[in-house]
Amino acid sequence: MTIGRDTFYLLPLQKFWLMKRYGLPILLVIIAAFVIYRIFSDKDKSVQQTKESPLELASNTGPFNQSYNELLNAYYTLTDALVNSDTARANSSSLSLGAAAEQLKVDDIKGDTSGTIKETVRYYMEALKTSSNALLAGGDIEAKRKEFEVITDAIWSLTRIVRYDGQKIYYQYCPMAFDNKGAYWLSNKPEIFNPYFGSKMLNCGEIADSLDYSMK
């Protein structure tokens, strides 16, 4: 088949017309599809980042803080018993502490999408129950004070993990406890009342640190 000269010149014009007629809509469809993809992709990333955000300050619920208050109050009662070298009160306080650890409302912790925080909290709950029983079984006041140091370490770590925002907590230190090895305890007031020596060295110690997650 022979293509005439007029037909030969019309071919490029036909191609241009076809591209103009069909190419532009196709191009617009491709661009629209790309824009929609980017919108939903960015939305998915935003949702994922929100879900993976860590536990934030002031994210604890009222029921959780109430249960944590009970744990701390039992601990402070135990501290006072050791300050006064009161073995019977130390025993009853250790029972209250174990019960408060058992009843801590872990499921009300918010912001823990991975479950790591709740799992860690449950570990410390078990550790506190074990130490509370060990303190109860301790024969004399000195044995109870040694177990009290273990309890203090657990509650200090636990408080930082959950970022308890109910009240300020003072981390106090006695450098002479346990033959100058040193030991810590927690208090809800800055004044020093030493649970490791009691009346023998009542005010021996210092504030080593504090926690106040209620400060926004």
C-alpha atoms as a PDB file:
ATOM      1  CA  MET A   1       0.000   0.000   0.000  1.00  0.00           C
ATOM      2  CA  THR A   2       1.375   3.369  -1.036  1.00  0.00           C
ATOM      3  CA  ILE A   3       0.975   6.334   1.284  1.00  0.00           C
ATOM      4  CA  GLY A   4       0.362   9.577  -0.529  1.00  0.00           C
ATOM      5  CA  ARG A   5       2.134  12.762   0.221  1.00  0.00           C
ATOM      6  CA  ASP A   6      -0.963  14.357   1.838  1.00  0.00           C
ATOM      7  CA  THR A   7      -1.540  11.273   3.953  1.00  0.00           C
ATOM      8  CA  PHE A   8       2.118  11.283   5.004  1.00  0.00           C
ATOM      9  CA  TYR A   9       1.823  14.813   6.360  1.00  0.00           C
ATOM     10  CA  LEU A  10      -1.449  14.031   8.131  1.00  0.00           C
ATOM     11  CA  LEU A  11      -0.018  11.129  10.202  1.00  0.00           C
ATOM     12  CA  PRO A  12       1.857  13.317  12.730  1.00  0.00           C
ATOM     13  CA  LEU A  13      -1.215  15.486  13.103  1.00  0.00           C
ATOM     14  CA  GLN A  14      -3.349  12.424  13.819  1.00  0.00           C
ATOM     15  CA  LYS A  15      -0.861  11.240  16.435  1.00  0.00           C
ATOM     16  CA  PHE A  16      -0.883  14.656  18.050  1.00  0.00           C
ATOM     17  CA  TRP A  17      -4.686  14.714  18.074  1.00  0.00           C
ATOM     18  CA  LEU A  18      -4.885  11.226  19.587  1.00  0.00           C
ATOM     19  CA  MET A  19      -2.374  12.163  22.288  1.00  0.00           C
ATOM     20  CA  LYS A  20      -4.226  15.381  23.001  1.00  0.00           C
ATOM     21  CA  ARG A  21      -7.572  13.596  23.164  1.00  0.00           C
ATOM     22  CA  TYR A  22      -6.598  10.522  25.216  1.00  0.00           C
ATOM     23  CA  GLY A  23      -3.163  11.250  26.697  1.00  0.00           C
ATOM     24  CA  LEU A  24      -4.200  14.158  28.902  1.00  0.00           C
ATOM     25  CA  PRO A  25      -7.061  12.290  30.654  1.00  0.00           C
ATOM     26  CA  ILE A  26      -4.764   9.302  31.228  1.00  0.00           C
ATOM     27  CA  LEU A  27      -2.105  11.595  32.651  1.00  0.00           C
ATOM     28  CA  LEU A  28      -4.658  13.215  34.954  1.00  0.00           C
ATOM     29  CA  VAL A  29      -5.817   9.795  36.158  1.00  0.00           C
ATOM     30  CA  ILE A  30      -2.216   8.799  36.920  1.00  0.00           C
ATOM     31  CA  ILE A  31      -1.601  12.039  38.838  1.00  0.00           C
ATOM     32  CA  ALA A  32      -4.855  11.657  40.797  1.00  0.00           C
ATOM     33  CA  ALA A  33      -3.992   8.076  41.705  1.00  0.00           C
ATOM     34  CA  PHE A  34      -0.552   9.150  42.923  1.00  0.00           C
ATOM     35  CA  VAL A  35      -2.010  11.958  45.068  1.00  0.00           C
ATOM     36  CA  ILE A  36      -4.584   9.593  46.632  1.00  0.00           C
ATOM     37  CA  TYR A  37      -1.831   7.055  47.371  1.00  0.00           C
ATOM     38  CA  ARG A  38       0.304   9.701  49.094  1.00  0.00           C
ATOM     39  CA  ILE A  39      -2.653  10.933  51.191  1.00  0.00           C
ATOM     40  CA  PHE A  40      -3.529   7.471  52.490  1.00  0.00           C
ATOM     41  CA  SER A  41       0.139   6.559  52.922  1.00  0.00           C
ATOM     42  CA  ASP A  42       0.751   9.628  55.084  1.00  0.00           C
ATOM     43  CA  LYS A  43      -2.429   8.899  57.030  1.00  0.00           C
ATOM     44  CA  ASP A  44      -1.278   5.346  57.765  1.00  0.00           C
ATOM     45  CA  LYS A  45       2.090   6.642  58.942  1.00  0.00           C
ATOM     46  CA  SER A  46       0.386   9.179  61.202  1.00  0.00           C
ATOM     47  CA  VAL A  47      -1.836   6.494  62.747  1.00  0.00           C
ATOM     48  CA  GLN A  48       1.154   4.186  63.225  1.00  0.00           C
ATOM     49  CA  GLN A  49       3.181   6.918  64.942  1.00  0.00           C
ATOM     50  CA  THR A  50       0.240   7.671  67.246  1.00  0.00           C
ATOM     51  CA  LYS A  51      -0.109   4.015  68.205  1.00  0.00           C
ATOM     52  CA  GLU A  52       3.618   3.644  68.884  1.00  0.00           C
ATOM     53  CA  SER A  53       3.917   6.752  71.056  1.00  0.00           C
ATOM     54  CA  PRO A  54       5.356   5.944  74.507  1.00  0.00           C
ATOM     55  CA  LEU A  55       3.635   6.399  77.842  1.00  0.00           C
ATOM     56  CA  GLU A  56       3.388  10.139  78.454  1.00  0.00           C
ATOM     57  CA  LEU A  57       3.218  12.226  81.596  1.00  0.00           C
ATOM     58  CA  ALA A  58      -0.199  12.599  83.193  1.00  0.00           C
ATOM     59  CA  SER A  59      -1.550   9.645  81.220  1.00  0.00           C
ATOM     60  CA  ASN A  60      -2.381   7.647  84.344  1.00  0.00           C
ATOM     61  CA  THR A  61      -6.060   7.236  85.170  1.00  0.00           C
ATOM     62  CA  GLY A  62      -7.714   8.078  88.481  1.00  0.00           C
ATOM     63  CA  PRO A  63      -8.240   4.410  89.434  1.00  0.00           C
ATOM     64  CA  PHE A  64      -4.585   3.616  88.741  1.00  0.00           C
ATOM     65  CA  ASN A  65      -3.321   6.552  90.805  1.00  0.00           C
ATOM     66  CA  GLN A  66      -5.660   5.581  93.637  1.00  0.00           C
ATOM     67  CA  SER A  67      -4.300   2.035  93.664  1.00  0.00           C
ATOM     68  CA  TYR A  68      -0.739   3.383  93.530  1.00  0.00           C
ATOM     69  CA  ASN A  69      -1.506   5.747  96.419  1.00  0.00           C
ATOM     70  CA  GLU A  70      -2.502   2.721  98.483  1.00  0.00           C
ATOM     71  CA  LEU A  71       0.770   1.005  97.618  1.00  0.00           C
ATOM     72  CA  LEU A  72       2.793   4.063  98.624  1.00  0.00           C
ATOM     73  CA  ASN A  73       0.800   4.590 101.818  1.00  0.00           C
ATOM     74  CA  ALA A  74       1.478   0.989 102.843  1.00  0.00           C
ATOM     75  CA  TYR A  75       5.162   1.562 102.114  1.00  0.00           C
ATOM     76  CA  TYR A  76       5.246   4.793 104.144  1.00  0.00           C
ATOM     77  CA  THR A  77       3.533   3.036 107.050  1.00  0.00           C
ATOM     78  CA  LEU A  78       6.208   0.348 106.874  1.00  0.00           C
ATOM     79  CA  THR A  79       8.889   3.044 106.846  1.00  0.00           C
ATOM     80  CA  ASP A  80       7.439   4.649 109.978  1.00  0.00           C
ATOM     81  CA  ALA A  81       7.356   1.259 111.704  1.00  0.00           C
ATOM     82  CA  LEU A  82      11.057   0.762 111.004  1.00  0.00           C
ATOM     83  CA  VAL A  83      11.849   4.337 112.110  1.00  0.00           C
ATOM     84  CA  ASN A  84      10.213   3.456 115.420  1.00  0.00           C
ATOM     85  CA  SER A  85      11.739  -0.052 115.501  1.00  0.00           C
ATOM     86  CA  ASP A  86       8.227  -1.449 115.834  1.00  0.00           C
ATOM     87  CA  THR A  87       8.408  -5.098 114.743  1.00  0.00           C
ATOM     88  CA  ALA A  88       4.686  -5.839 115.096  1.00  0.00           C
ATOM     89  CA  ARG A  89       3.674  -2.808 113.042  1.00  0.00           C
ATOM     90  CA  ALA A  90       6.309  -3.624 110.440  1.00  0.00           C
ATOM     91  CA  ASN A  91       4.744  -7.069 110.041  1.00  0.00           C
ATOM     92  CA  SER A  92       1.218  -5.714 109.585  1.00  0.00           C
ATOM     93  CA  SER A  93       2.486  -3.056 107.184  1.00  0.00           C
ATOM     94  CA  SER A  94       4.267  -5.643 105.073  1.00  0.00           C
ATOM     95  CA  LEU A  95       0.967  -7.537 104.737  1.00  0.00           C
ATOM     96  CA  SER A  96      -0.754  -4.343 103.594  1.00  0.00           C
ATOM     97  CA  LEU A  97       2.040  -3.661 101.129  1.00  0.00           C
ATOM     98  CA  GLY A  98       1.754  -7.115  99.582  1.00  0.00           C
ATOM     99  CA  ALA A  99      -2.021  -6.729  99.260  1.00  0.00           C
ATOM    100  CA  ALA A 100      -1.657  -3.291  97.665  1.00  0.00           C
ATOM    101  CA  ALA A 101       0.849  -4.682  95.154  1.00  0.00           C
ATOM    102  CA  GLU A 102      -1.596  -7.467  94.319  1.00  0.00           C
ATOM    103  CA  GLN A 103      -4.416  -4.975  93.694  1.00  0.00           C
ATOM    104  CA  LEU A 104      -2.481  -2.479  91.603  1.00  0.00           C
ATOM    105  CA  LYS A 105      -4.673  -1.587  88.600  1.00  0.00           C
ATOM    106  CA  VAL A 106      -2.214  -2.391  85.843  1.00  0.00           C
ATOM    107  CA  ASP A 107      -4.884  -2.508  83.121  1.00  0.00           C
ATOM    108  CA  ASP A 108      -5.602   1.189  83.695  1.00  0.00           C
ATOM    109  CA  ILE A 109      -2.125   2.190  82.558  1.00  0.00           C
ATOM    110  CA  LYS A 110      -2.538   4.143  79.316  1.00  0.00           C
ATOM    111  CA  GLY A 111      -0.229   4.636  76.348  1.00  0.00           C
ATOM    112  CA  ASP A 112       1.398   1.198  76.493  1.00  0.00           C
ATOM    113  CA  THR A 113       0.520  -0.190  73.047  1.00  0.00           C
ATOM    114  CA  SER A 114       3.265  -2.820  73.105  1.00  0.00           C
ATOM    115  CA  GLY A 115       2.374  -4.108  76.569  1.00  0.00           C
ATOM    116  CA  THR A 116       5.996  -3.822  77.722  1.00  0.00           C
ATOM    117  CA  ILE A 117       5.235  -1.421  80.567  1.00  0.00           C
ATOM    118  CA  LYS A 118       2.388  -3.523  81.939  1.00  0.00           C
ATOM    119  CA  GLU A 119       4.522  -6.644  81.753  1.00  0.00           C
ATOM    120  CA  THR A 120       7.334  -4.908  83.654  1.00  0.00           C
ATOM    121  CA  VAL A 121       4.916  -3.589  86.260  1.00  0.00           C
ATOM    122  CA  ARG A 122       3.555  -7.085  86.861  1.00  0.00           C
ATOM    123  CA  TYR A 123       7.130  -8.311  87.370  1.00  0.00           C
ATOM    124  CA  TYR A 124       7.674  -5.716  90.110  1.00  0.00           C
ATOM    125  CA  MET A 125       4.296  -6.538  91.640  1.00  0.00           C
ATOM    126  CA  GLU A 126       5.421 -10.130  92.086  1.00  0.00           C
ATOM    127  CA  ALA A 127       8.782  -8.968  93.432  1.00  0.00           C
ATOM    128  CA  LEU A 128       7.053  -6.746  96.002  1.00  0.00           C
ATOM    129  CA  LYS A 129       4.766  -9.549  97.152  1.00  0.00           C
ATOM    130  CA  THR A 130       7.775 -11.846  97.563  1.00  0.00           C
ATOM    131  CA  SER A 131       9.767  -9.236  99.490  1.00  0.00           C
ATOM    132  CA  SER A 132       6.777  -8.375 101.677  1.00  0.00           C
ATOM    133  CA  ASN A 133       6.466 -12.024 102.695  1.00  0.00           C
ATOM    134  CA  ALA A 134      10.215 -12.194 103.312  1.00  0.00           C
ATOM    135  CA  LEU A 135      10.052  -9.112 105.539  1.00  0.00           C
ATOM    136  CA  LEU A 136       7.177 -10.661 107.466  1.00  0.00           C
ATOM    137  CA  ALA A 137       9.245 -13.817 107.987  1.00  0.00           C
ATOM    138  CA  GLY A 138      12.308 -11.864 109.108  1.00  0.00           C
ATOM    139  CA  GLY A 139      13.126 -12.654 112.710  1.00  0.00           C
ATOM    140  CA  ASP A 140      14.336  -9.334 114.097  1.00  0.00           C
ATOM    141  CA  ILE A 141      14.113  -5.691 113.138  1.00  0.00           C
ATOM    142  CA  GLU A 142      17.524  -5.714 111.437  1.00  0.00           C
ATOM    143  CA  ALA A 143      16.517  -8.554 109.125  1.00  0.00           C
ATOM    144  CA  LYS A 144      13.373  -6.630 108.253  1.00  0.00           C
ATOM    145  CA  ARG A 145      15.427  -3.538 107.463  1.00  0.00           C
ATOM    146  CA  LYS A 146      17.534  -5.510 104.993  1.00  0.00           C
ATOM    147  CA  GLU A 147      14.403  -6.665 103.170  1.00  0.00           C
ATOM    148  CA  PHE A 148      13.049  -3.122 103.316  1.00  0.00           C
ATOM    149  CA  GLU A 149      16.015  -1.995 101.201  1.00  0.00           C
ATOM    150  CA  VAL A 150      14.974  -4.492  98.481  1.00  0.00           C
ATOM    151  CA  ILE A 151      11.377  -3.234  98.651  1.00  0.00           C
ATOM    152  CA  THR A 152      12.567   0.365  98.324  1.00  0.00           C
ATOM    153  CA  ASP A 153      14.569  -0.404  95.174  1.00  0.00           C
ATOM    154  CA  ALA A 154      11.529  -2.093  93.617  1.00  0.00           C
ATOM    155  CA  ILE A 155       9.114   0.749  94.380  1.00  0.00           C
ATOM    156  CA  TRP A 156      11.573   3.414  93.228  1.00  0.00           C
ATOM    157  CA  SER A 157      11.991   1.629  89.885  1.00  0.00           C
ATOM    158  CA  LEU A 158       8.257   0.997  89.599  1.00  0.00           C
ATOM    159  CA  THR A 159       7.407   4.652  90.254  1.00  0.00           C
ATOM    160  CA  ARG A 160       9.683   5.776  87.437  1.00  0.00           C
ATOM    161  CA  ILE A 161       8.326   3.171  85.036  1.00  0.00           C
ATOM    162  CA  VAL A 162       4.667   4.152  85.484  1.00  0.00           C
ATOM    163  CA  ARG A 163       5.494   7.843  85.946  1.00  0.00           C
ATOM    164  CA  TYR A 164       3.214   8.115  88.923  1.00  0.00           C
ATOM    165  CA  ASP A 165       1.919  11.680  88.975  1.00  0.00           C
ATOM    166  CA  GLY A 166      -0.024  11.801  92.218  1.00  0.00           C
ATOM    167  CA  GLN A 167       2.487  13.405  94.577  1.00  0.00           C
ATOM    168  CA  LYS A 168       6.161  14.283  94.942  1.00  0.00           C
ATOM    169  CA  ILE A 169       8.395  11.495  96.205  1.00  0.00           C
ATOM    170  CA  TYR A 170      11.750  12.080  97.904  1.00  0.00           C
ATOM    171  CA  TYR A 171      14.570   9.586  97.430  1.00  0.00           C
ATOM    172  CA  GLN A 172      16.612   9.729 100.631  1.00  0.00           C
ATOM    173  CA  TYR A 173      19.952   8.177 101.455  1.00  0.00           C
ATOM    174  CA  CYS A 174      21.883   7.080 104.515  1.00  0.00           C
ATOM    175  CA  PRO A 175      25.599   6.503 103.780  1.00  0.00           C
ATOM    176  CA  MET A 176      26.175   4.645 107.074  1.00  0.00           C
ATOM    177  CA  ALA A 177      23.512   1.956 106.700  1.00  0.00           C
ATOM    178  CA  PHE A 178      24.644  -1.688 106.659  1.00  0.00           C
ATOM    179  CA  ASP A 179      28.228  -1.059 107.776  1.00  0.00           C
ATOM    180  CA  ASN A 180      28.694   2.031 105.598  1.00  0.00           C
ATOM    181  CA  LYS A 181      27.445   0.319 102.452  1.00  0.00           C
ATOM    182  CA  GLY A 182      24.648   2.861 102.313  1.00  0.00           C
ATOM    183  CA  ALA A 183      20.941   2.433 101.600  1.00  0.00           C
ATOM    184  CA  TYR A 184      17.990   4.413 100.251  1.00  0.00           C
ATOM    185  CA  TRP A 185      14.357   4.883 101.219  1.00  0.00           C
ATOM    186  CA  LEU A 186      11.381   6.868  99.916  1.00  0.00           C
ATOM    187  CA  SER A 187       9.433   9.586 101.698  1.00  0.00           C
ATOM    188  CA  ASN A 188       6.544  11.935 100.966  1.00  0.00           C
ATOM    189  CA  LYS A 189       8.234  14.728 102.899  1.00  0.00           C
ATOM    190  CA  PRO A 190      11.726  16.259 102.739  1.00  0.00           C
ATOM    191  CA  GLU A 191      12.528  15.794 106.443  1.00  0.00           C
ATOM    192  CA  ILE A 192      14.877  12.925 107.275  1.00  0.00           C
ATOM    193  CA  PHE A 193      13.632  10.097 109.499  1.00  0.00           C
ATOM    194  CA  ASN A 194      16.000   7.182 109.100  1.00  0.00           C
ATOM    195  CA  PRO A 195      14.329   3.731 108.921  1.00  0.00           C
ATOM    196  CA  TYR A 196      17.671   1.894 109.024  1.00  0.00           C
ATOM    197  CA  PHE A 197      18.818   3.224 112.415  1.00  0.00           C
ATOM    198  CA  GLY A 198      15.649   4.501 114.055  1.00  0.00           C
ATOM    199  CA  SER A 199      16.233   6.469 117.242  1.00  0.00           C
ATOM    200  CA  LYS A 200      19.963   5.610 117.202  1.00  0.00           C
ATOM    201  CA  MET A 201      20.586   7.987 114.288  1.00  0.00           C
ATOM    202  CA  LEU A 202      17.130   9.342 113.527  1.00  0.00           C
ATOM    203  CA  ASN A 203      18.130  12.240 111.280  1.00  0.00           C
ATOM    204  CA  CYS A 204      21.128  10.677 109.570  1.00  0.00           C
ATOM    205  CA  GLY A 205      20.744  10.995 105.821  1.00  0.00           C
ATOM    206  CA  GLU A 206      20.094  13.330 102.917  1.00  0.00           C
ATOM    207  CA  ILE A 207      17.837  13.820  99.906  1.00  0.00           C
ATOM    208  CA  ALA A 208      19.545  12.133  96.968  1.00  0.00           C
ATOM    209  CA  ASP A 209      16.824  12.708  94.377  1.00  0.00           C
ATOM    210  CA  SER A 210      13.097  13.233  93.926  1.00  0.00           C
ATOM    211  CA  LEU A 211      10.285  12.436  91.503  1.00  0.00           C
ATOM    212  CA  ASP A 212       7.462  14.789  90.664  1.00  0.00           C
ATOM    213  CA  TYR A 213       5.627  13.788  87.485  1.00  0.00           C
ATOM    214  CA  SER A 214       2.743  16.072  88.460  1.00  0.00           C
ATOM    215  CA  MET A 215       4.856  18.986  87.199  1.00  0.00           C
ATOM    216  CA  LYS A 216       3.756  19.548  83.576  1.00  0.00           C
END
